C-alpha atoms as a PDB file:
ATOM      1  CA  MET A   1     151.171  41.505 149.988  1.00  0.00           C
ATOM      2  CA  PRO A   2     151.914  45.121 149.452  1.00  0.00           C
ATOM      3  CA  LYS A   3     149.089  47.640 150.374  1.00  0.00           C
ATOM      4  CA  ARG A   4     147.237  49.034 147.349  1.00  0.00           C
ATOM      5  CA  LYS A   5     147.312  52.625 147.165  1.00  0.00           C
ATOM      6  CA  ILE A   6     144.046  54.176 146.463  1.00  0.00           C
ATOM      7  CA  LYS A   7     144.202  57.056 143.712  1.00  0.00           C
ATOM      8  CA  GLU A   8     143.110  60.157 144.835  1.00  0.00           C
ATOM      9  CA  GLU A   9     140.733  61.974 142.605  1.00  0.00           C
ATOM     10  CA  LYS A  10     141.818  65.240 141.332  1.00  0.00           C
ATOM     11  CA  PRO A  11     139.838  68.342 141.915  1.00  0.00           C
ATOM     12  CA  LYS A  12     137.924  69.367 138.835  1.00  0.00           C
ATOM     13  CA  ARG A  13     139.771  71.923 136.716  1.00  0.00           C
ATOM     14  CA  ARG A  14     137.774  75.271 137.062  1.00  0.00           C
ATOM     15  CA  LEU A  15     137.270  76.993 133.688  1.00  0.00           C
ATOM     16  CA  GLY A  16     139.152  80.336 133.165  1.00  0.00           C
ATOM     17  CA  LYS A  17     137.504  83.436 132.157  1.00  0.00           C
ATOM     18  CA  LYS A  18     138.429  82.930 128.658  1.00  0.00           C
ATOM     19  CA  GLU A  19     136.745  79.667 128.386  1.00  0.00           C
ATOM     20  CA  MET A  20     133.701  80.709 129.993  1.00  0.00           C
ATOM     21  CA  LEU A  21     132.885  83.347 127.479  1.00  0.00           C
ATOM     22  CA  ILE A  22     133.073  80.841 124.630  1.00  0.00           C
ATOM     23  CA  VAL A  23     129.499  79.799 125.066  1.00  0.00           C
ATOM     24  CA  PRO A  24     127.890  83.181 125.064  1.00  0.00           C
ATOM     25  CA  ILE A  25     129.950  84.418 122.062  1.00  0.00           C
ATOM     26  CA  ALA A  26     129.086  81.478 120.175  1.00  0.00           C
ATOM     27  CA  MET A  27     125.307  82.130 121.039  1.00  0.00           C
ATOM     28  CA  GLY A  28     125.580  85.632 119.981  1.00  0.00           C
ATOM     29  CA  ALA A  29     127.110  84.600 116.586  1.00  0.00           C
ATOM     30  CA  ALA A  30     124.284  82.221 115.983  1.00  0.00           C
ATOM     31  CA  THR A  31     121.623  85.248 116.783  1.00  0.00           C
ATOM     32  CA  LEU A  32     123.405  87.792 114.414  1.00  0.00           C
ATOM     33  CA  LEU A  33     123.773  84.926 111.728  1.00  0.00           C
ATOM     34  CA  ALA A  34     120.130  84.009 111.888  1.00  0.00           C
ATOM     35  CA  LEU A  35     118.964  87.952 112.206  1.00  0.00           C
ATOM     36  CA  VAL A  36     121.288  89.995 110.340  1.00  0.00           C
ATOM     37  CA  VAL A  37     123.225  87.452 107.776  1.00  0.00           C
ATOM     38  CA  ILE A  38     120.708  85.074 106.564  1.00  0.00           C
ATOM     39  CA  PRO A  39     117.845  87.549 105.727  1.00  0.00           C
ATOM     40  CA  ILE A  40     120.557  89.646 103.671  1.00  0.00           C
ATOM     41  CA  PHE A  41     121.409  86.896 101.428  1.00  0.00           C
ATOM     42  CA  ALA A  42     117.932  85.058 101.405  1.00  0.00           C
ATOM     43  CA  PRO A  43     115.424  87.639 102.362  1.00  0.00           C
ATOM     44  CA  PRO A  44     111.938  86.420 103.167  1.00  0.00           C
ATOM     45  CA  PRO A  45     109.527  86.771 100.044  1.00  0.00           C
ATOM     46  CA  ASP A  46     107.365  90.014  99.546  1.00  0.00           C
ATOM     47  CA  PRO A  47     103.996  89.150 101.315  1.00  0.00           C
ATOM     48  CA  THR A  48     102.155  90.699  98.486  1.00  0.00           C
ATOM     49  CA  GLN A  49     103.738  88.084  96.116  1.00  0.00           C
ATOM     50  CA  VAL A  50     103.041  85.080  98.190  1.00  0.00           C
ATOM     51  CA  CYS A  51     100.135  83.023  96.478  1.00  0.00           C
ATOM     52  CA  LEU A  52      97.955  81.340  99.470  1.00  0.00           C
ATOM     53  CA  LYS A  53      97.773  77.658  99.439  1.00  0.00           C
ATOM     54  CA  ALA A  54      93.749  77.676 100.163  1.00  0.00           C
ATOM     55  CA  HIS A  55      91.010  80.274 100.628  1.00  0.00           C
ATOM     56  CA  ASN A  56      89.507  81.212 104.022  1.00  0.00           C
ATOM     57  CA  VAL A  57      91.973  78.817 106.006  1.00  0.00           C
ATOM     58  CA  GLU A  58      94.526  81.275 107.174  1.00  0.00           C
ATOM     59  CA  SER A  59      94.566  82.377 111.085  1.00  0.00           C
ATOM     60  CA  PHE A  60      94.656  86.003 110.358  1.00  0.00           C
ATOM     61  CA  GLN A  61      91.933  87.594 108.220  1.00  0.00           C
ATOM     62  CA  LEU A  62      90.812  91.199 108.092  1.00  0.00           C
ATOM     63  CA  PHE A  63      87.633  92.673 106.043  1.00  0.00           C
ATOM     64  CA  PRO A  64      88.313  96.324 105.820  1.00  0.00           C
ATOM     65  CA  THR A  65      86.139  98.729 103.314  1.00  0.00           C
ATOM     66  CA  MET A  66      87.510 100.423 100.300  1.00  0.00           C
ATOM     67  CA  GLU A  67      85.555 102.817  98.483  1.00  0.00           C
ATOM     68  CA  VAL A  68      86.481 103.917  94.880  1.00  0.00           C
ATOM     69  CA  SER A  69      85.158 107.048  93.129  1.00  0.00           C
ATOM     70  CA  VAL A  70      85.783 108.440  89.582  1.00  0.00           C
ATOM     71  CA  ASP A  71      84.974 111.798  88.708  1.00  0.00           C
ATOM     72  CA  GLY A  72      82.569 111.923  92.060  1.00  0.00           C
ATOM     73  CA  MET A  73      80.795 108.725  90.825  1.00  0.00           C
ATOM     74  CA  SER A  74      80.791 105.654  93.090  1.00  0.00           C
ATOM     75  CA  MET A  75      82.312 102.628  91.912  1.00  0.00           C
ATOM     76  CA  MET A  76      82.875  99.298  93.243  1.00  0.00           C
ATOM     77  CA  LEU A  77      86.093  97.023  93.380  1.00  0.00           C
ATOM     78  CA  PRO A  78      85.407  94.173  90.976  1.00  0.00           C
ATOM     79  CA  ASP A  79      85.687  90.640  91.864  1.00  0.00           C
ATOM     80  CA  GLY A  80      89.285  89.078  91.099  1.00  0.00           C
ATOM     81  CA  VAL A  81      91.600  91.489  92.608  1.00  0.00           C
ATOM     82  CA  GLY A  82      94.423  89.892  93.715  1.00  0.00           C
ATOM     83  CA  LYS A  83      93.796  86.628  91.586  1.00  0.00           C
ATOM     84  CA  GLU A  84      96.302  87.234  88.761  1.00  0.00           C
ATOM     85  CA  PRO A  85      98.151  84.012  87.413  1.00  0.00           C
ATOM     86  CA  LYS A  86     101.715  83.545  88.719  1.00  0.00           C
ATOM     87  CA  GLY A  87     103.741  81.843  85.973  1.00  0.00           C
ATOM     88  CA  ASP A  88     101.455  78.985  84.589  1.00  0.00           C
ATOM     89  CA  GLN A  89      99.404  78.555  87.873  1.00  0.00           C
ATOM     90  CA  GLU A  90      96.237  80.447  89.572  1.00  0.00           C
ATOM     91  CA  CYS A  91      97.415  82.653  92.434  1.00  0.00           C
ATOM     92  CA  LEU A  92      95.502  84.167  95.166  1.00  0.00           C
ATOM     93  CA  ARG A  93      97.284  86.983  96.823  1.00  0.00           C
ATOM     94  CA  PRO A  94      96.805  87.878 100.513  1.00  0.00           C
ATOM     95  CA  ILE A  95      95.062  91.003  99.722  1.00  0.00           C
ATOM     96  CA  HIS A  96      91.971  90.235  97.462  1.00  0.00           C
ATOM     97  CA  THR A  97      88.252  90.619  96.814  1.00  0.00           C
ATOM     98  CA  ASP A  98      85.909  87.868  97.055  1.00  0.00           C
ATOM     99  CA  GLU A  99      83.187  89.594  94.999  1.00  0.00           C
ATOM    100  CA  VAL A 100      82.166  92.569  93.415  1.00  0.00           C
ATOM    101  CA  GLY A 101      81.796  95.247  96.216  1.00  0.00           C
ATOM    102  CA  ASN A 102      83.671  97.794  98.691  1.00  0.00           C
ATOM    103  CA  GLN A 103      85.054  95.281 100.910  1.00  0.00           C
ATOM    104  CA  ILE A 104      88.735  93.624 100.507  1.00  0.00           C
ATOM    105  CA  HIS A 105      89.919  90.354 102.087  1.00  0.00           C
ATOM    106  CA  ILE A 106      93.088  90.322 103.828  1.00  0.00           C
ATOM    107  CA  GLU A 107      94.302  86.739 104.800  1.00  0.00           C
ATOM    108  CA  TYR A 108      97.866  85.358 105.959  1.00  0.00           C
ATOM    109  CA  ILE A 109      99.510  82.916 107.752  1.00  0.00           C
ATOM    110  CA  ARG A 110     100.324  85.281 110.683  1.00  0.00           C
ATOM    111  CA  PRO A 111      99.320  88.787 111.792  1.00  0.00           C
ATOM    112  CA  ILE A 112     100.903  91.154 109.070  1.00  0.00           C
ATOM    113  CA  ARG A 113     100.905  95.000 108.590  1.00  0.00           C
ATOM    114  CA  PHE A 114      99.291  95.686 105.024  1.00  0.00           C
ATOM    115  CA  THR A 115      98.817  99.150 104.107  1.00  0.00           C
ATOM    116  CA  MET A 116      97.239 100.842 101.051  1.00  0.00           C
ATOM    117  CA  ALA A 117     100.958 100.580  99.405  1.00  0.00           C
ATOM    118  CA  ASP A 118     100.535  96.813  99.322  1.00  0.00           C
ATOM    119  CA  MET A 119      96.852  96.873  98.171  1.00  0.00           C
ATOM    120  CA  MET A 120      98.062  99.052  95.378  1.00  0.00           C
ATOM    121  CA  LYS A 121     100.816  96.593  94.331  1.00  0.00           C
ATOM    122  CA  ILE A 122      98.204  94.112  93.795  1.00  0.00           C
ATOM    123  CA  TYR A 123      95.315  96.174  92.709  1.00  0.00           C
ATOM    124  CA  SER A 124      97.324  97.938  89.920  1.00  0.00           C
ATOM    125  CA  PHE A 125      99.581  94.935  89.558  1.00  0.00           C
ATOM    126  CA  ASP A 126     100.915  96.496  86.351  1.00  0.00           C
ATOM    127  CA  ASN A 127     101.427  99.937  87.953  1.00  0.00           C
ATOM    128  CA  LYS A 128      99.279 101.703  84.918  1.00  0.00           C
ATOM    129  CA  THR A 129      95.823 100.446  85.126  1.00  0.00           C
ATOM    130  CA  ILE A 130      92.855  99.488  87.965  1.00  0.00           C
ATOM    131  CA  SER A 131      89.648  97.883  87.055  1.00  0.00           C
ATOM    132  CA  VAL A 132      86.246  99.198  88.544  1.00  0.00           C
ATOM    133  CA  ALA A 133      82.870  97.928  88.662  1.00  0.00           C
ATOM    134  CA  ASP A 134      80.491 100.617  87.199  1.00  0.00           C
ATOM    135  CA  ASN A 135      76.903 100.325  88.300  1.00  0.00           C
ATOM    136  CA  SER A 136      75.982 103.692  87.332  1.00  0.00           C
ATOM    137  CA  THR A 137      73.641 102.408  84.161  1.00  0.00           C
ATOM    138  CA  GLY A 138      71.964  99.715  86.177  1.00  0.00           C
ATOM    139  CA  THR A 139      73.877  96.986  84.395  1.00  0.00           C
ATOM    140  CA  LEU A 140      77.277  96.181  86.078  1.00  0.00           C
ATOM    141  CA  GLN A 141      80.108  96.771  83.888  1.00  0.00           C
ATOM    142  CA  GLU A 142      83.780  96.258  84.626  1.00  0.00           C
ATOM    143  CA  ARG A 143      85.868  99.154  83.198  1.00  0.00           C
ATOM    144  CA  LYS A 144      89.667  99.458  83.079  1.00  0.00           C
ATOM    145  CA  LEU A 145      91.105 102.958  84.032  1.00  0.00           C
ATOM    146  CA  GLU A 146      94.510 104.121  82.619  1.00  0.00           C
ATOM    147  CA  LEU A 147      95.952 105.918  85.982  1.00  0.00           C
ATOM    148  CA  ASP A 148      97.945 108.314  83.907  1.00  0.00           C
ATOM    149  CA  ASN A 149      94.782 109.829  82.726  1.00  0.00           C
ATOM    150  CA  TYR A 150      93.576 110.883  86.570  1.00  0.00           C
ATOM    151  CA  ASN A 151      94.800 112.933  89.538  1.00  0.00           C
ATOM    152  CA  VAL A 152      94.595 110.163  92.298  1.00  0.00           C
ATOM    153  CA  GLN A 153      93.952 110.943  95.989  1.00  0.00           C
ATOM    154  CA  TYR A 154      94.124 108.481  99.055  1.00  0.00           C
ATOM    155  CA  SER A 155      92.337 108.784 102.285  1.00  0.00           C
ATOM    156  CA  TYR A 156      91.187 107.091 105.210  1.00  0.00           C
ATOM    157  CA  PHE A 157      88.275 107.453 107.849  1.00  0.00           C
ATOM    158  CA  SER A 158      89.523 109.348 110.833  1.00  0.00           C
ATOM    159  CA  SER A 159      87.490 111.431 113.308  1.00  0.00           C
ATOM    160  CA  GLU A 160      90.382 113.376 114.489  1.00  0.00           C
ATOM    161  CA  SER A 161      89.430 116.337 112.787  1.00  0.00           C
ATOM    162  CA  LYS A 162      87.641 119.213 115.031  1.00  0.00           C
ATOM    163  CA  ASP A 163      85.106 119.570 111.973  1.00  0.00           C
ATOM    164  CA  CYS A 164      84.330 116.028 111.766  1.00  0.00           C
ATOM    165  CA  ASP A 165      80.676 114.941 112.791  1.00  0.00           C
ATOM    166  CA  ASN A 166      81.990 111.333 112.928  1.00  0.00           C
ATOM    167  CA  THR A 167      79.903 110.151 109.953  1.00  0.00           C
ATOM    168  CA  ARG A 168      81.301 108.266 106.995  1.00  0.00           C
ATOM    169  CA  GLU A 169      79.662 110.686 104.565  1.00  0.00           C
ATOM    170  CA  ASP A 170      81.276 113.857 105.895  1.00  0.00           C
ATOM    171  CA  LEU A 171      84.453 114.599 103.991  1.00  0.00           C
ATOM    172  CA  ASP A 172      85.958 116.593 107.026  1.00  0.00           C
ATOM    173  CA  CYS A 173      86.199 113.155 108.793  1.00  0.00           C
ATOM    174  CA  TYR A 174      89.016 111.886 105.904  1.00  0.00           C
ATOM    175  CA  THR A 175      92.683 112.173 106.592  1.00  0.00           C
ATOM    176  CA  TYR A 176      94.292 112.308 102.968  1.00  0.00           C
ATOM    177  CA  GLN A 177      97.614 110.814 102.733  1.00  0.00           C
ATOM    178  CA  ASN A 178      99.118 110.458  99.222  1.00  0.00           C
ATOM    179  CA  ASP A 179     102.383 109.314 100.600  1.00  0.00           C
ATOM    180  CA  LEU A 180     101.612 105.600 100.655  1.00  0.00           C
ATOM    181  CA  SER A 181     104.236 104.802 102.992  1.00  0.00           C
ATOM    182  CA  LEU A 182     102.686 106.830 105.512  1.00  0.00           C
ATOM    183  CA  PHE A 183      99.543 105.349 105.126  1.00  0.00           C
ATOM    184  CA  PRO A 184      98.104 103.230 108.346  1.00  0.00           C
ATOM    185  CA  PRO A 185      97.975  99.738 108.310  1.00  0.00           C
ATOM    186  CA  PHE A 186      94.620  98.190 107.409  1.00  0.00           C
ATOM    187  CA  THR A 187      92.451  97.064 110.354  1.00  0.00           C
ATOM    188  CA  LYS A 188      88.953  95.432 110.495  1.00  0.00           C
ATOM    189  CA  GLU A 189      87.109  98.642 110.969  1.00  0.00           C
ATOM    190  CA  MET A 190      89.145 100.719 108.298  1.00  0.00           C
ATOM    191  CA  LEU A 191      87.317 102.655 105.663  1.00  0.00           C
ATOM    192  CA  ALA A 192      89.985 103.689 102.862  1.00  0.00           C
ATOM    193  CA  ARG A 193      88.961 105.836  99.838  1.00  0.00           C
ATOM    194  CA  ILE A 194      90.680 106.176  96.360  1.00  0.00           C
ATOM    195  CA  GLU A 195      89.297 109.170  94.576  1.00  0.00           C
ATOM    196  CA  LEU A 196      90.259 109.472  90.716  1.00  0.00           C
ATOM    197  CA  THR A 197      89.521 112.878  89.066  1.00  0.00           C
ATOM    198  CA  SER A 198      90.216 113.233  85.371  1.00  0.00           C
ATOM    199  CA  LYS A 199      93.094 115.188  84.233  1.00  0.00           C
END
C-alpha cells in the first residue's frame, strides 16, 4: 500500500497595502455619508417647530425669566405662548408658557441651546404681533401688539458692567443685544427682557 502524502498547509496570504486600506476607507465614507450627505438631503427638523408628545416628561427642562415692558409699563407673558395648533392638531412647542407670568418653560428630548431668536419664532409666530397680559387696571387683560408700531429692544441681565450694582432693577446691569443671532442661549438663571416703545 502506498504511503499517503500529508498535505502541507500553505501559509496564510498576507494582506497587501491596498487591501489594508479598504476597511478605513469604507468607515470614513460611511461617516462622511452620515454626517454630511444625509443631513443635506434630509436635515433634522427645526427644534422650534417640533411638537412635544407630552408636557413635563422630557429630560431637559429650563425655566428662565423673561420680562416684557410696553412704554415703560411692566407686562406679563400670557398663558398659551407656544401652544399654537399645527395643522389640525394641538401642538405644544419646546418653548412655551405654563401660566400667565414672567417665566418661560423650555423642554426638549435632549439638552439644546435655545436663544431669544428661537423664542421670538414661537412668541411672534406670525412675525407681526405678540400678545401680552396687562394687569395695570387690576383686571388681567390680554392685549395683542402690532410690532410695527413699536421700537423693540432686547437685553439680558449681565453684571459685567462696572456701573452695575448687581441687582436686577439696575438697568446698568443689562446687556442690550438686538442682533438676536448673538443673544446668549437661555439658562435656568437667565433674565431676558423685551422693551417695546411706541413709535
